[in-house]
């Protein structure tokens, strides 16, 4: 098991999400940054949706109760294992009694603690994710607290290997936009044509800022006011992460992992799934630019993600093969 020694608020156990229950009013939940979870589990040889700890408030400190492989993905944060610096995006092994400390990221907003074998919390509605508003799933249906002891499925040691973070491997820039600005590609949504031409232009040209009224449910942006051609009343519709709704205030809201299952505000666009990890790693106060694209561009971006994963898998396989050969050669010399 691992024991939580120190934690901030709202850190929780999450996996890839609770799929297939939105028609019952149950949101998906799951990690905000699915790419970070996928990479962490890949580094450890876990199943792709093995549960991890999503850390969004710091410092976060855990103690390992048994020898186990682990890695921490997500942003770029200073970390110590028994007072020795360790790197994110790198699979490592901890001994019984080792203490891992994660400080506030210098880049990114969230860190993901993945452990070899995954976390052994109960499966509720086909997922180990914590549904914070509903109070179920994860660890006792709540955020983690100091002294919580989280059991592991089947811990084991791993080959110590790392990979290039997606923020470096998949950069996304826009001419004339500051390097630290988060670029998000978005496809015009059902109600896009209901907004004025000026608002359509402002949507893509405004430097939006993520406000403090943002959480796992949705990110509220400020920087301008988007206006409809005329007031409308819409029937409720299904909501998924990435949809950008515009309430009467005119300030857009991007739905995130804990998004409501239904809504009625006009939809101006939808952030493509391949870019949601970028928004998940954007801090409160960060600047965001929304770049309109079409479905073909969204599919191409998804192919880029798949290529990144495939290249990482190939690189890891080659590295492990090299380790195996060196080990065999070393053994031969000793015999």
Protein backbone atom coordinates (compact mmCIF):
# COMPACT_ATOMS: atom_id res chain seq x y z
CA UNK A 1 0.00 0.00 0.00
CA UNK A 2 0.95 3.65 -0.10
CA UNK A 3 0.22 6.00 2.78
CA UNK A 4 -0.64 9.66 2.26
CA UNK A 5 1.52 11.72 4.62
CA UNK A 6 0.62 15.20 3.39
CA UNK A 7 -1.91 16.45 0.85
CA UNK A 8 -3.76 19.56 -0.23
CA UNK A 9 -7.46 19.71 -1.00
CA UNK A 10 -9.23 17.82 -3.81
CA UNK A 11 -6.43 15.37 -4.67
CA UNK A 12 -8.14 12.12 -5.59
CA UNK A 13 -7.94 8.64 -7.08
CA UNK A 14 -8.85 8.68 -10.77
CA UNK A 15 -8.63 6.40 -13.80
CA UNK A 16 -9.62 6.85 -17.46
CA UNK A 17 -13.21 7.63 -16.51
CA UNK A 18 -16.65 6.18 -15.91
CA UNK A 19 -17.97 5.58 -19.41
CA UNK A 20 -21.45 4.52 -20.45
CA UNK A 21 -23.54 6.06 -17.66
CA UNK A 22 -24.18 9.63 -18.82
CA UNK A 23 -27.73 8.70 -19.81
CA UNK A 24 -28.30 8.00 -16.11
CA UNK A 25 -26.97 11.40 -15.10
CA UNK A 26 -23.54 10.10 -14.03
CA UNK A 27 -20.65 12.20 -15.35
CA UNK A 28 -17.51 10.62 -16.75
CA UNK A 29 -15.08 11.85 -14.06
CA UNK A 30 -11.61 10.34 -14.53
CA UNK A 31 -8.31 12.16 -14.90
CA UNK A 32 -8.26 15.64 -16.40
CA UNK A 33 -5.12 14.77 -18.41
CA UNK A 34 -5.76 11.38 -20.00
CA UNK A 35 -2.54 11.46 -21.98
CA UNK A 36 -0.52 11.73 -18.76
CA UNK A 37 -2.35 8.71 -17.31
CA UNK A 38 -1.87 6.69 -20.49
CA UNK A 39 1.86 7.45 -20.57
CA UNK A 40 2.32 6.73 -16.87
CA UNK A 41 0.65 3.35 -17.17
CA UNK A 42 2.64 2.61 -20.32
CA UNK A 43 5.93 3.32 -18.54
CA UNK A 44 4.98 0.84 -15.81
CA UNK A 45 3.47 -1.86 -18.00
CA UNK A 46 0.01 -1.32 -16.47
CA UNK A 47 -3.28 -1.65 -18.27
CA UNK A 48 -4.05 1.68 -19.95
CA UNK A 49 -6.79 2.70 -17.51
CA UNK A 50 -5.17 1.60 -14.23
CA UNK A 51 -6.07 4.00 -11.41
CA UNK A 52 -3.65 6.67 -10.25
CA UNK A 53 -3.62 9.66 -7.89
CA UNK A 54 -4.39 12.99 -9.51
CA UNK A 55 -2.56 15.75 -7.62
CA UNK A 56 -3.66 19.33 -8.17
CA UNK A 57 -2.74 20.93 -4.82
CA UNK A 58 0.73 20.77 -3.32
CA UNK A 59 2.89 19.65 -1.60
CA UNK A 60 1.88 16.01 -1.82
CA UNK A 61 3.77 13.36 0.13
CA UNK A 62 3.32 9.58 0.18
CA UNK A 63 5.17 6.67 1.75
CA UNK A 64 5.54 3.32 0.00
CA UNK A 65 4.56 0.34 2.14
CA UNK A 66 6.19 -2.17 -0.18
CA UNK A 67 8.77 -2.32 -2.93
CA UNK A 68 7.14 -1.07 -6.10
CA UNK A 69 7.70 0.63 -9.42
CA UNK A 70 6.17 4.07 -9.87
CA UNK A 71 6.29 7.15 -12.03
CA UNK A 72 4.90 10.68 -11.90
CA UNK A 73 3.61 12.30 -15.09
CA UNK A 74 1.61 15.42 -15.94
CA UNK A 75 3.44 18.70 -15.46
CA UNK A 76 7.03 19.36 -14.48
CA UNK A 77 7.41 19.47 -10.70
CA UNK A 78 10.36 19.30 -8.30
CA UNK A 79 10.25 15.86 -6.64
CA UNK A 80 12.27 14.06 -4.03
CA UNK A 81 12.47 10.36 -3.17
CA UNK A 82 14.08 10.15 0.27
CA UNK A 83 15.53 13.64 -0.17
CA UNK A 84 17.06 12.74 -3.53
CA UNK A 85 15.79 14.52 -6.66
CA UNK A 86 13.88 12.37 -9.15
CA UNK A 87 12.52 13.17 -12.59
CA UNK A 88 8.92 13.23 -13.80
CA UNK A 89 8.00 11.11 -16.81
CA UNK A 90 10.45 8.44 -15.66
CA UNK A 91 9.74 4.97 -14.26
CA UNK A 92 11.55 4.33 -10.97
CA UNK A 93 11.52 1.80 -8.15
CA UNK A 94 10.80 2.56 -4.51
CA UNK A 95 11.65 0.42 -1.51
CA UNK A 96 9.46 -0.16 1.51
CA UNK A 97 9.49 2.97 3.63
CA UNK A 98 10.61 5.31 0.82
CA UNK A 99 8.95 8.74 0.88
CA UNK A 100 8.02 10.60 -2.30
CA UNK A 101 7.47 14.36 -2.07
CA UNK A 102 6.02 16.40 -4.94
CA UNK A 103 6.18 20.19 -4.88
CA UNK A 104 4.14 22.66 -6.92
CA UNK A 105 4.88 22.26 -10.65
CA UNK A 106 7.09 24.81 -12.36
CA UNK A 107 5.19 24.00 -15.56
CA UNK A 108 1.72 22.53 -15.83
CA UNK A 109 -0.99 22.27 -13.21
CA UNK A 110 -1.46 18.61 -12.33
CA UNK A 111 0.73 15.63 -11.51
CA UNK A 112 -0.22 11.97 -11.72
CA UNK A 113 1.23 9.37 -9.36
CA UNK A 114 1.07 6.00 -11.10
CA UNK A 115 2.12 2.80 -9.35
CA UNK A 116 3.02 -0.55 -10.92
CA UNK A 117 -0.13 -2.67 -10.93
CA UNK A 118 -2.42 0.28 -10.19
CA UNK A 119 -4.38 1.27 -7.09
CA UNK A 120 -6.72 -1.34 -5.66
CA UNK A 121 -9.77 0.74 -4.78
CA UNK A 122 -13.31 -0.61 -5.36
CA UNK A 123 -14.76 -0.56 -8.88
CA UNK A 124 -18.02 1.41 -8.88
CA UNK A 125 -20.02 1.61 -12.11
CA UNK A 126 -17.11 0.13 -14.09
CA UNK A 127 -14.55 2.65 -12.83
CA UNK A 128 -12.23 3.34 -9.90
CA UNK A 129 -12.54 7.12 -10.41
CA UNK A 130 -13.69 9.42 -7.64
CA UNK A 131 -16.96 11.21 -8.40
CA UNK A 132 -16.38 14.14 -6.10
CA UNK A 133 -19.83 15.73 -6.36
CA UNK A 134 -21.63 12.41 -6.05
CA UNK A 135 -19.40 11.19 -3.22
CA UNK A 136 -18.70 7.74 -4.61
CA UNK A 137 -15.89 5.81 -6.26
CA UNK A 138 -12.18 6.26 -5.73
CA UNK A 139 -11.06 6.13 -2.11
CA UNK A 140 -14.20 6.21 0.07
CA UNK A 141 -15.87 8.58 -2.41
CA UNK A 142 -13.86 11.61 -1.25
CA UNK A 143 -10.61 13.54 -1.76
CA UNK A 144 -7.54 12.04 -0.15
CA UNK A 145 -6.58 12.95 3.40
CA UNK A 146 -3.43 12.56 5.47
CA UNK A 147 -3.01 9.00 6.82
CA UNK A 148 -5.11 7.41 4.08
CA UNK A 149 -3.65 4.01 3.19
CA UNK A 150 -4.33 3.12 -0.43
CA UNK A 151 -3.91 -0.57 -1.32
CA UNK A 152 -2.11 -1.63 -4.49
CA UNK A 153 -3.30 -4.28 -6.93
CA UNK A 154 -0.10 -6.27 -7.52
CA UNK A 155 3.00 -4.15 -7.04
CA UNK A 156 6.22 -5.09 -8.80
CA UNK A 157 9.52 -3.53 -9.83
CA UNK A 158 10.01 -2.08 -13.28
CA UNK A 159 12.75 -1.19 -15.74
CA UNK A 160 13.82 2.39 -15.08
CA UNK A 161 13.06 4.16 -18.35
CA UNK A 162 11.59 7.53 -19.30
CA UNK A 163 10.02 9.31 -22.23
CA UNK A 164 9.79 12.79 -23.69
CA UNK A 165 6.81 14.67 -22.20
CA UNK A 166 4.06 15.50 -24.72
CA UNK A 167 4.49 19.22 -23.98
CA UNK A 168 7.89 18.92 -25.65
CA UNK A 169 7.06 16.27 -28.24
CA UNK A 170 3.76 17.86 -29.37
CA UNK A 171 4.25 21.64 -29.22
CA UNK A 172 1.46 23.82 -30.57
CA UNK A 173 2.16 27.45 -31.43
CA UNK A 174 0.40 30.31 -33.17
CA UNK A 175 2.08 33.18 -35.01
CA UNK A 176 2.12 36.37 -32.98
CA UNK A 177 1.03 34.63 -29.78
CA UNK A 178 3.19 34.49 -26.63
CA UNK A 179 4.96 31.18 -26.06
CA UNK A 180 3.30 30.60 -22.67
CA UNK A 181 -0.20 31.03 -24.10
CA UNK A 182 -2.08 27.72 -24.30
CA UNK A 183 -3.30 27.09 -27.85
CA UNK A 184 -6.45 24.99 -28.19
CA UNK A 185 -8.04 23.86 -31.42
CA UNK A 186 -11.82 23.92 -31.46
CA UNK A 187 -14.49 22.87 -33.96
CA UNK A 188 -17.50 25.19 -34.43
CA UNK A 189 -20.47 23.71 -32.58
CA UNK A 190 -24.19 23.45 -33.29
CA UNK A 191 -25.02 27.00 -32.19
CA UNK A 192 -21.99 28.78 -33.69
CA UNK A 193 -24.11 30.53 -36.32
CA UNK A 194 -26.36 31.99 -33.59
CA UNK A 195 -23.54 34.32 -32.48
CA UNK A 196 -22.84 37.67 -34.09
CA UNK A 197 -20.10 37.92 -36.72
CA UNK A 198 -18.10 40.08 -34.30
CA UNK A 199 -18.38 37.47 -31.56
CA UNK A 200 -17.32 34.75 -33.98
CA UNK A 201 -14.24 36.81 -34.81
CA UNK A 202 -13.56 37.65 -31.14
CA UNK A 203 -13.79 33.98 -30.18
CA UNK A 204 -10.59 33.17 -32.05
CA UNK A 205 -8.74 36.47 -31.66
CA UNK A 206 -9.22 37.08 -27.93
CA UNK A 207 -6.57 36.13 -25.39
CA UNK A 208 -8.85 34.44 -22.87
CA UNK A 209 -7.84 34.02 -19.24
CA UNK A 210 -8.75 31.06 -17.03
CA UNK A 211 -10.55 32.49 -14.01
CA UNK A 212 -10.50 31.35 -10.40
CA UNK A 213 -14.09 30.08 -10.92
CA UNK A 214 -12.66 27.02 -12.65
CA UNK A 215 -12.47 23.43 -11.47
CA UNK A 216 -12.83 19.83 -12.67
CA UNK A 217 -16.38 20.59 -13.82
CA UNK A 218 -15.48 23.43 -16.14
CA UNK A 219 -13.07 26.26 -16.90
CA UNK A 220 -14.63 29.73 -17.01
CA UNK A 221 -12.81 32.15 -19.32
CA UNK A 222 -12.74 35.93 -19.28
CA UNK A 223 -11.45 38.47 -21.76
CA UNK A 224 -14.51 39.49 -23.71
CA UNK A 225 -18.25 39.07 -24.09
CA UNK A 226 -19.70 36.80 -26.77
CA UNK A 227 -23.12 37.87 -27.95
CA UNK A 228 -25.97 36.15 -29.74
CA UNK A 229 -27.69 37.69 -32.75
CA UNK A 230 -30.88 37.47 -30.72
CA UNK A 231 -31.94 35.77 -27.48
CA UNK A 232 -32.70 32.06 -27.84
CA UNK A 233 -34.16 29.31 -25.70
CA UNK A 234 -32.67 25.89 -26.35
CA UNK A 235 -33.80 22.44 -25.38
CA UNK A 236 -31.45 20.62 -23.01
CA UNK A 237 -28.80 18.56 -24.76
CA UNK A 238 -26.07 16.09 -23.82
CA UNK A 239 -22.81 17.58 -22.59
CA UNK A 240 -19.34 16.07 -22.94
CA UNK A 241 -15.88 17.37 -21.93
CA UNK A 242 -14.62 19.98 -24.39
CA UNK A 243 -17.94 21.65 -25.21
CA UNK A 244 -17.72 25.44 -24.88
CA UNK A 245 -20.95 26.92 -23.59
CA UNK A 246 -21.79 30.61 -23.42
CA UNK A 247 -24.06 31.62 -20.50
CA UNK A 248 -25.94 34.97 -20.42
CA UNK A 249 -22.81 36.73 -19.07
CA UNK A 250 -21.16 36.10 -22.45
CA UNK A 251 -18.03 34.57 -20.86
CA UNK A 252 -17.42 31.07 -22.24
CA UNK A 253 -17.18 27.94 -20.09
CA UNK A 254 -15.24 24.88 -21.27
CA UNK A 255 -16.69 21.69 -19.83
CA UNK A 256 -14.07 19.39 -18.28
CA UNK A 257 -13.82 15.87 -16.78
CA UNK A 258 -16.63 16.30 -14.23
CA UNK A 259 -18.89 18.07 -16.74
CA UNK A 260 -22.62 17.94 -16.22
CA UNK A 261 -24.40 15.37 -18.34
CA UNK A 262 -26.88 17.86 -19.80
CA UNK A 263 -27.05 21.61 -20.39
CA UNK A 264 -28.92 24.32 -22.20
CA UNK A 265 -26.55 27.24 -22.84
CA UNK A 266 -25.67 27.97 -26.48
CA UNK A 267 -22.64 26.01 -27.73
CA UNK A 268 -20.16 28.02 -29.77
CA UNK A 269 -17.46 25.36 -30.25
CA UNK A 270 -15.89 22.18 -28.90
CA UNK A 271 -12.22 21.79 -27.97
CA UNK A 272 -10.91 18.76 -29.86
CA UNK A 273 -10.25 15.73 -27.68
CA UNK A 274 -6.58 15.67 -28.69
CA UNK A 275 -6.06 19.08 -27.01
CA UNK A 276 -7.95 18.56 -23.74
CA UNK A 277 -4.74 17.50 -21.99
CA UNK A 278 -3.26 20.91 -22.79
CA UNK A 279 -6.15 22.66 -21.07
CA UNK A 280 -5.95 20.26 -18.12
CA UNK A 281 -2.35 21.41 -17.57
CA UNK A 282 -3.20 25.13 -17.82
CA UNK A 283 -3.15 26.95 -14.50
CA UNK A 284 -5.66 29.40 -13.13
CA UNK A 285 -4.75 32.78 -14.63
CA UNK A 286 -3.19 31.26 -17.75
CA UNK A 287 -3.90 32.78 -21.16
CA UNK A 288 -5.70 30.67 -23.75
CA UNK A 289 -6.21 31.17 -27.47
CA UNK A 290 -8.92 29.23 -29.28
CA UNK A 291 -8.07 28.31 -32.86
CA UNK A 292 -11.01 27.22 -35.00
CA UNK A 293 -10.42 24.08 -37.05
CA UNK A 294 -12.45 21.47 -38.92
CA UNK A 295 -13.09 17.79 -38.23
CA UNK A 296 -10.21 16.73 -40.47
CA UNK A 297 -7.77 18.77 -38.38
CA UNK A 298 -9.19 17.22 -35.22
CA UNK A 299 -8.66 13.72 -36.60
CA UNK A 300 -5.13 14.64 -37.72
CA UNK A 301 -4.34 15.84 -34.20
CA UNK A 302 -5.57 12.53 -32.83
CA UNK A 303 -3.24 10.74 -35.24
CA UNK A 304 -0.37 12.84 -33.89
CA UNK A 305 -1.20 11.61 -30.37
CA UNK A 306 -1.26 8.00 -31.56
CA UNK A 307 2.06 8.44 -33.34
CA UNK A 308 3.58 9.91 -30.18
CA UNK A 309 2.39 6.92 -28.14
CA UNK A 310 3.65 4.45 -30.75
CA UNK A 311 7.07 6.12 -30.91
CA UNK A 312 7.31 6.09 -27.12
CA UNK A 313 6.43 2.39 -27.02
CA UNK A 314 9.04 1.59 -29.66
CA UNK A 315 11.72 3.60 -27.86
CA UNK A 316 10.93 1.86 -24.57
CA UNK A 317 11.06 -1.56 -26.23
CA UNK A 318 14.45 -0.81 -27.78
CA UNK A 319 15.82 0.48 -24.47
CA UNK A 320 14.60 -2.59 -22.57
CA UNK A 321 16.08 -4.85 -25.27
CA UNK A 322 19.39 -3.04 -24.89
CA UNK A 323 19.25 -3.53 -21.11
CA UNK A 324 18.56 -7.21 -21.61
CA UNK A 325 21.52 -7.62 -23.94
CA UNK A 326 23.85 -5.76 -21.61
CA UNK A 327 22.63 -7.91 -18.73
CA UNK A 328 23.23 -11.07 -20.72
CA UNK A 329 26.70 -9.90 -21.68
CA UNK A 330 27.54 -9.03 -18.09
CA UNK A 331 26.34 -12.44 -16.88
CA UNK A 332 28.45 -14.12 -19.53
CA UNK A 333 31.58 -12.40 -18.26
CA UNK A 334 30.90 -13.54 -14.71
CA UNK A 335 30.36 -17.21 -15.64
